[in-house]
Amino acid sequence: MTRLRLMVACLLALALLLLLGWQAQREQLVKACLDSGGAWTGNACGPLRIRPILQRDLHRS
């Protein structure tokens, strides 16, 4: 391998390790949120909100 290819391979491996670490941390945050009874909103833990059921207006004129 040339020096450039070795450097690129090392950078890609480092990026992969960083992403795997970030994913593991997010999974821990989500698990802790769900275990505490909260709801994960995609970026933070919040209270469990029950959404209303949408109903159609069946009255015709």
PDB file of N, CA and C in Angstrom:
ATOM      1  N   MET A   1       0.837  -1.188   0.000  1.00  0.00           N
ATOM      2  CA  MET A   1       0.000   0.000   0.000  1.00  0.00           C
ATOM      3  C   MET A   1       0.877   1.244   0.000  1.00  0.00           C
ATOM      4  N   THR A   2       0.422   2.203  -0.717  1.00  0.00           N
ATOM      5  CA  THR A   2       1.150   3.464  -0.698  1.00  0.00           C
ATOM      6  C   THR A   2       0.812   4.205   0.584  1.00  0.00           C
ATOM      7  N   ARG A   3       1.582   5.205   0.851  1.00  0.00           N
ATOM      8  CA  ARG A   3       1.376   5.977   2.079  1.00  0.00           C
ATOM      9  C   ARG A   3       0.016   6.685   2.071  1.00  0.00           C
ATOM     10  N   LEU A   4      -0.388   7.198   0.922  1.00  0.00           N
ATOM     11  CA  LEU A   4      -1.673   7.885   0.812  1.00  0.00           C
ATOM     12  C   LEU A   4      -2.833   6.926   1.083  1.00  0.00           C
ATOM     13  N   ARG A   5      -2.774   5.738   0.499  1.00  0.00           N
ATOM     14  CA  ARG A   5      -3.846   4.765   0.722  1.00  0.00           C
ATOM     15  C   ARG A   5      -3.910   4.350   2.185  1.00  0.00           C
ATOM     16  N   LEU A   6      -2.779   4.213   2.811  1.00  0.00           N
ATOM     17  CA  LEU A   6      -2.746   3.846   4.220  1.00  0.00           C
ATOM     18  C   LEU A   6      -3.368   4.951   5.076  1.00  0.00           C
ATOM     19  N   MET A   7      -3.074   6.200   4.759  1.00  0.00           N
ATOM     20  CA  MET A   7      -3.652   7.321   5.501  1.00  0.00           C
ATOM     21  C   MET A   7      -5.167   7.381   5.302  1.00  0.00           C
ATOM     22  N   VAL A   8      -5.629   7.175   4.078  1.00  0.00           N
ATOM     23  CA  VAL A   8      -7.063   7.194   3.797  1.00  0.00           C
ATOM     24  C   VAL A   8      -7.755   6.049   4.529  1.00  0.00           C
ATOM     25  N   ALA A   9      -7.147   4.871   4.524  1.00  0.00           N
ATOM     26  CA  ALA A   9      -7.729   3.724   5.223  1.00  0.00           C
ATOM     27  C   ALA A   9      -7.807   3.992   6.728  1.00  0.00           C
ATOM     28  N   CYS A  10      -6.789   4.606   7.292  1.00  0.00           N
ATOM     29  CA  CYS A  10      -6.796   4.933   8.720  1.00  0.00           C
ATOM     30  C   CYS A  10      -7.863   5.978   9.040  1.00  0.00           C
ATOM     31  N   LEU A  11      -8.008   6.978   8.203  1.00  0.00           N
ATOM     32  CA  LEU A  11      -9.033   8.002   8.422  1.00  0.00           C
ATOM     33  C   LEU A  11     -10.440   7.417   8.336  1.00  0.00           C
ATOM     34  N   LEU A  12     -10.657   6.530   7.376  1.00  0.00           N
ATOM     35  CA  LEU A  12     -11.973   5.906   7.253  1.00  0.00           C
ATOM     36  C   LEU A  12     -12.265   4.988   8.433  1.00  0.00           C
ATOM     37  N   ALA A  13     -11.259   4.266   8.900  1.00  0.00           N
ATOM     38  CA  ALA A  13     -11.444   3.406  10.068  1.00  0.00           C
ATOM     39  C   ALA A  13     -11.746   4.248  11.305  1.00  0.00           C
ATOM     40  N   LEU A  14     -11.069   5.374  11.457  1.00  0.00           N
ATOM     41  CA  LEU A  14     -11.326   6.264  12.586  1.00  0.00           C
ATOM     42  C   LEU A  14     -12.740   6.839  12.519  1.00  0.00           C
ATOM     43  N   ALA A  15     -13.166   7.241  11.331  1.00  0.00           N
ATOM     44  CA  ALA A  15     -14.522   7.771  11.166  1.00  0.00           C
ATOM     45  C   ALA A  15     -15.561   6.703  11.502  1.00  0.00           C
ATOM     46  N   LEU A  16     -15.312   5.468  11.090  1.00  0.00           N
ATOM     47  CA  LEU A  16     -16.230   4.378  11.395  1.00  0.00           C
ATOM     48  C   LEU A  16     -16.302   4.132  12.896  1.00  0.00           C
ATOM     49  N   LEU A  17     -15.173   4.148  13.570  1.00  0.00           N
ATOM     50  CA  LEU A  17     -15.157   3.953  15.020  1.00  0.00           C
ATOM     51  C   LEU A  17     -15.891   5.079  15.746  1.00  0.00           C
ATOM     52  N   LEU A  18     -15.710   6.302  15.280  1.00  0.00           N
ATOM     53  CA  LEU A  18     -16.420   7.430  15.886  1.00  0.00           C
ATOM     54  C   LEU A  18     -17.933   7.296  15.716  1.00  0.00           C
ATOM     55  N   LEU A  19     -18.366   6.896  14.537  1.00  0.00           N
ATOM     56  CA  LEU A  19     -19.799   6.727  14.296  1.00  0.00           C
ATOM     57  C   LEU A  19     -20.379   5.582  15.125  1.00  0.00           C
ATOM     58  N   LEU A  20     -19.630   4.501  15.273  1.00  0.00           N
ATOM     59  CA  LEU A  20     -20.105   3.389  16.095  1.00  0.00           C
ATOM     60  C   LEU A  20     -20.201   3.794  17.562  1.00  0.00           C
ATOM     61  N   GLY A  21     -19.249   4.586  18.028  1.00  0.00           N
ATOM     62  CA  GLY A  21     -19.298   5.082  19.402  1.00  0.00           C
ATOM     63  C   GLY A  21     -20.469   6.017  19.625  1.00  0.00           C
ATOM     64  N   TRP A  22     -20.725   6.896  18.659  1.00  0.00           N
ATOM     65  CA  TRP A  22     -21.855   7.823  18.755  1.00  0.00           C
ATOM     66  C   TRP A  22     -23.174   7.055  18.764  1.00  0.00           C
ATOM     67  N   GLN A  23     -23.272   6.012  17.921  1.00  0.00           N
ATOM     68  CA  GLN A  23     -24.484   5.205  17.878  1.00  0.00           C
ATOM     69  C   GLN A  23     -24.707   4.495  19.211  1.00  0.00           C
ATOM     70  N   ALA A  24     -23.662   3.956  19.798  1.00  0.00           N
ATOM     71  CA  ALA A  24     -23.791   3.268  21.086  1.00  0.00           C
ATOM     72  C   ALA A  24     -24.250   4.239  22.174  1.00  0.00           C
ATOM     73  N   GLN A  25     -23.721   5.465  22.142  1.00  0.00           N
ATOM     74  CA  GLN A  25     -24.125   6.460  23.136  1.00  0.00           C
ATOM     75  C   GLN A  25     -25.598   6.828  22.967  1.00  0.00           C
ATOM     76  N   ARG A  26     -26.047   6.997  21.731  1.00  0.00           N
ATOM     77  CA  ARG A  26     -27.455   7.327  21.481  1.00  0.00           C
ATOM     78  C   ARG A  26     -28.368   6.190  21.930  1.00  0.00           C
ATOM     79  N   GLU A  27     -27.943   4.948  21.685  1.00  0.00           N
ATOM     80  CA  GLU A  27     -28.747   3.808  22.112  1.00  0.00           C
ATOM     81  C   GLU A  27     -28.871   3.770  23.631  1.00  0.00           C
ATOM     82  N   GLN A  28     -27.816   4.126  24.342  1.00  0.00           N
ATOM     83  CA  GLN A  28     -27.873   4.180  25.801  1.00  0.00           C
ATOM     84  C   GLN A  28     -28.827   5.280  26.267  1.00  0.00           C
ATOM     85  N   LEU A  29     -28.798   6.431  25.602  1.00  0.00           N
ATOM     86  CA  LEU A  29     -29.707   7.522  25.956  1.00  0.00           C
ATOM     87  C   LEU A  29     -31.165   7.126  25.740  1.00  0.00           C
ATOM     88  N   VAL A  30     -31.446   6.483  24.617  1.00  0.00           N
ATOM     89  CA  VAL A  30     -32.813   6.065  24.315  1.00  0.00           C
ATOM     90  C   VAL A  30     -33.271   5.017  25.323  1.00  0.00           C
ATOM     91  N   LYS A  31     -32.413   4.055  25.627  1.00  0.00           N
ATOM     92  CA  LYS A  31     -32.776   3.007  26.585  1.00  0.00           C
ATOM     93  C   LYS A  31     -33.049   3.601  27.963  1.00  0.00           C
ATOM     94  N   ALA A  32     -32.201   4.522  28.407  1.00  0.00           N
ATOM     95  CA  ALA A  32     -32.417   5.160  29.711  1.00  0.00           C
ATOM     96  C   ALA A  32     -33.722   5.947  29.719  1.00  0.00           C
ATOM     97  N   CYS A  33     -34.037   6.593  28.620  1.00  0.00           N
ATOM     98  CA  CYS A  33     -35.280   7.365  28.521  1.00  0.00           C
ATOM     99  C   CYS A  33     -36.490   6.444  28.607  1.00  0.00           C
ATOM    100  N   LEU A  34     -36.467   5.367  27.837  1.00  0.00           N
ATOM    101  CA  LEU A  34     -37.601   4.449  27.833  1.00  0.00           C
ATOM    102  C   LEU A  34     -37.741   3.729  29.164  1.00  0.00           C
ATOM    103  N   ASP A  35     -36.627   3.396  29.807  1.00  0.00           N
ATOM    104  CA  ASP A  35     -36.678   2.731  31.113  1.00  0.00           C
ATOM    105  C   ASP A  35     -37.258   3.640  32.192  1.00  0.00           C
ATOM    106  N   SER A  36     -37.081   4.947  32.034  1.00  0.00           N
ATOM    107  CA  SER A  36     -37.613   5.885  33.027  1.00  0.00           C
ATOM    108  C   SER A  36     -39.075   6.250  32.754  1.00  0.00           C
ATOM    109  N   GLY A  37     -39.646   5.707  31.687  1.00  0.00           N
ATOM    110  CA  GLY A  37     -41.052   5.962  31.387  1.00  0.00           C
ATOM    111  C   GLY A  37     -41.284   7.119  30.445  1.00  0.00           C
ATOM    112  N   GLY A  38     -40.237   7.671  29.896  1.00  0.00           N
ATOM    113  CA  GLY A  38     -40.378   8.785  28.967  1.00  0.00           C
ATOM    114  C   GLY A  38     -40.560   8.310  27.540  1.00  0.00           C
ATOM    115  N   ALA A  39     -40.596   9.251  26.649  1.00  0.00           N
ATOM    116  CA  ALA A  39     -40.715   8.965  25.224  1.00  0.00           C
ATOM    117  C   ALA A  39     -39.578   9.675  24.506  1.00  0.00           C
ATOM    118  N   TRP A  40     -38.865   8.965  23.667  1.00  0.00           N
ATOM    119  CA  TRP A  40     -37.760   9.550  22.916  1.00  0.00           C
ATOM    120  C   TRP A  40     -38.332  10.297  21.725  1.00  0.00           C
ATOM    121  N   THR A  41     -38.021  11.583  21.622  1.00  0.00           N
ATOM    122  CA  THR A  41     -38.588  12.416  20.562  1.00  0.00           C
ATOM    123  C   THR A  41     -37.682  12.543  19.350  1.00  0.00           C
ATOM    124  N   GLY A  42     -36.558  11.865  19.367  1.00  0.00           N
ATOM    125  CA  GLY A  42     -35.628  11.946  18.256  1.00  0.00           C
ATOM    126  C   GLY A  42     -34.376  12.691  18.624  1.00  0.00           C
ATOM    127  N   ASN A  43     -34.479  13.611  19.562  1.00  0.00           N
ATOM    128  CA  ASN A  43     -33.297  14.344  20.008  1.00  0.00           C
ATOM    129  C   ASN A  43     -33.241  14.507  21.519  1.00  0.00           C
ATOM    130  N   ALA A  44     -34.314  14.169  22.209  1.00  0.00           N
ATOM    131  CA  ALA A  44     -34.331  14.316  23.664  1.00  0.00           C
ATOM    132  C   ALA A  44     -35.412  13.419  24.252  1.00  0.00           C
ATOM    133  N   CYS A  45     -35.354  13.287  25.551  1.00  0.00           N
ATOM    134  CA  CYS A  45     -36.352  12.504  26.274  1.00  0.00           C
ATOM    135  C   CYS A  45     -37.428  13.458  26.781  1.00  0.00           C
ATOM    136  N   GLY A  46     -38.668  13.111  26.526  1.00  0.00           N
ATOM    137  CA  GLY A  46     -39.759  13.958  26.975  1.00  0.00           C
ATOM    138  C   GLY A  46     -40.864  13.124  27.583  1.00  0.00           C
ATOM    139  N   PRO A  47     -41.893  13.780  28.063  1.00  0.00           N
ATOM    140  CA  PRO A  47     -43.012  13.037  28.646  1.00  0.00           C
ATOM    141  C   PRO A  47     -43.790  12.302  27.555  1.00  0.00           C
ATOM    142  N   LEU A  48     -44.396  11.207  27.950  1.00  0.00           N
ATOM    143  CA  LEU A  48     -45.207  10.439  27.019  1.00  0.00           C
ATOM    144  C   LEU A  48     -46.486  11.211  26.734  1.00  0.00           C
ATOM    145  N   ARG A  49     -46.672  11.603  25.495  1.00  0.00           N
ATOM    146  CA  ARG A  49     -47.864  12.352  25.098  1.00  0.00           C
ATOM    147  C   ARG A  49     -48.746  11.459  24.246  1.00  0.00           C
ATOM    148  N   ILE A  50     -49.983  11.353  24.613  1.00  0.00           N
ATOM    149  CA  ILE A  50     -50.926  10.565  23.827  1.00  0.00           C
ATOM    150  C   ILE A  50     -51.557  11.498  22.806  1.00  0.00           C
ATOM    151  N   ARG A  51     -51.393  11.137  21.564  1.00  0.00           N
ATOM    152  CA  ARG A  51     -51.909  11.986  20.493  1.00  0.00           C
ATOM    153  C   ARG A  51     -53.396  11.713  20.279  1.00  0.00           C
ATOM    154  N   PRO A  52     -54.158  12.751  19.984  1.00  0.00           N
ATOM    155  CA  PRO A  52     -55.592  12.532  19.737  1.00  0.00           C
ATOM    156  C   PRO A  52     -55.803  11.785  18.424  1.00  0.00           C
ATOM    157  N   ILE A  53     -56.862  11.025  18.401  1.00  0.00           N
ATOM    158  CA  ILE A  53     -57.206  10.299  17.183  1.00  0.00           C
ATOM    159  C   ILE A  53     -57.964  11.258  16.267  1.00  0.00           C
ATOM    160  N   LEU A  54     -57.520  11.347  15.050  1.00  0.00           N
ATOM    161  CA  LEU A  54     -58.194  12.230  14.093  1.00  0.00           C
ATOM    162  C   LEU A  54     -59.478  11.572  13.606  1.00  0.00           C
ATOM    163  N   GLN A  55     -60.527  12.347  13.538  1.00  0.00           N
ATOM    164  CA  GLN A  55     -61.807  11.832  13.075  1.00  0.00           C
ATOM    165  C   GLN A  55     -62.271  12.663  11.889  1.00  0.00           C
ATOM    166  N   ARG A  56     -62.852  11.970  10.945  1.00  0.00           N
ATOM    167  CA  ARG A  56     -63.402  12.679   9.789  1.00  0.00           C
ATOM    168  C   ARG A  56     -64.762  13.272  10.140  1.00  0.00           C
ATOM    169  N   ASP A  57     -65.069  14.343   9.485  1.00  0.00           N
ATOM    170  CA  ASP A  57     -66.393  14.938   9.650  1.00  0.00           C
ATOM    171  C   ASP A  57     -67.339  14.207   8.700  1.00  0.00           C
ATOM    172  N   LEU A  58     -68.247  13.404   9.252  1.00  0.00           N
ATOM    173  CA  LEU A  58     -69.124  12.579   8.430  1.00  0.00           C
ATOM    174  C   LEU A  58     -70.431  13.274   8.070  1.00  0.00           C
ATOM    175  N   HIS A  59     -70.604  14.500   8.515  1.00  0.00           N
ATOM    176  CA  HIS A  59     -71.832  15.234   8.208  1.00  0.00           C
ATOM    177  C   HIS A  59     -71.740  15.806   6.801  1.00  0.00           C
ATOM    178  N   ARG A  60     -72.752  15.476   5.999  1.00  0.00           N
ATOM    179  CA  ARG A  60     -72.779  16.006   4.632  1.00  0.00           C
ATOM    180  C   ARG A  60     -73.913  17.014   4.513  1.00  0.00           C
ATOM    181  N   SER A  61     -73.691  18.001   3.706  1.00  0.00           N
ATOM    182  CA  SER A  61     -74.739  19.013   3.551  1.00  0.00           C
ATOM    183  C   SER A  61     -75.592  18.730   2.337  1.00  0.00           C
TER     184      SER A  61
END
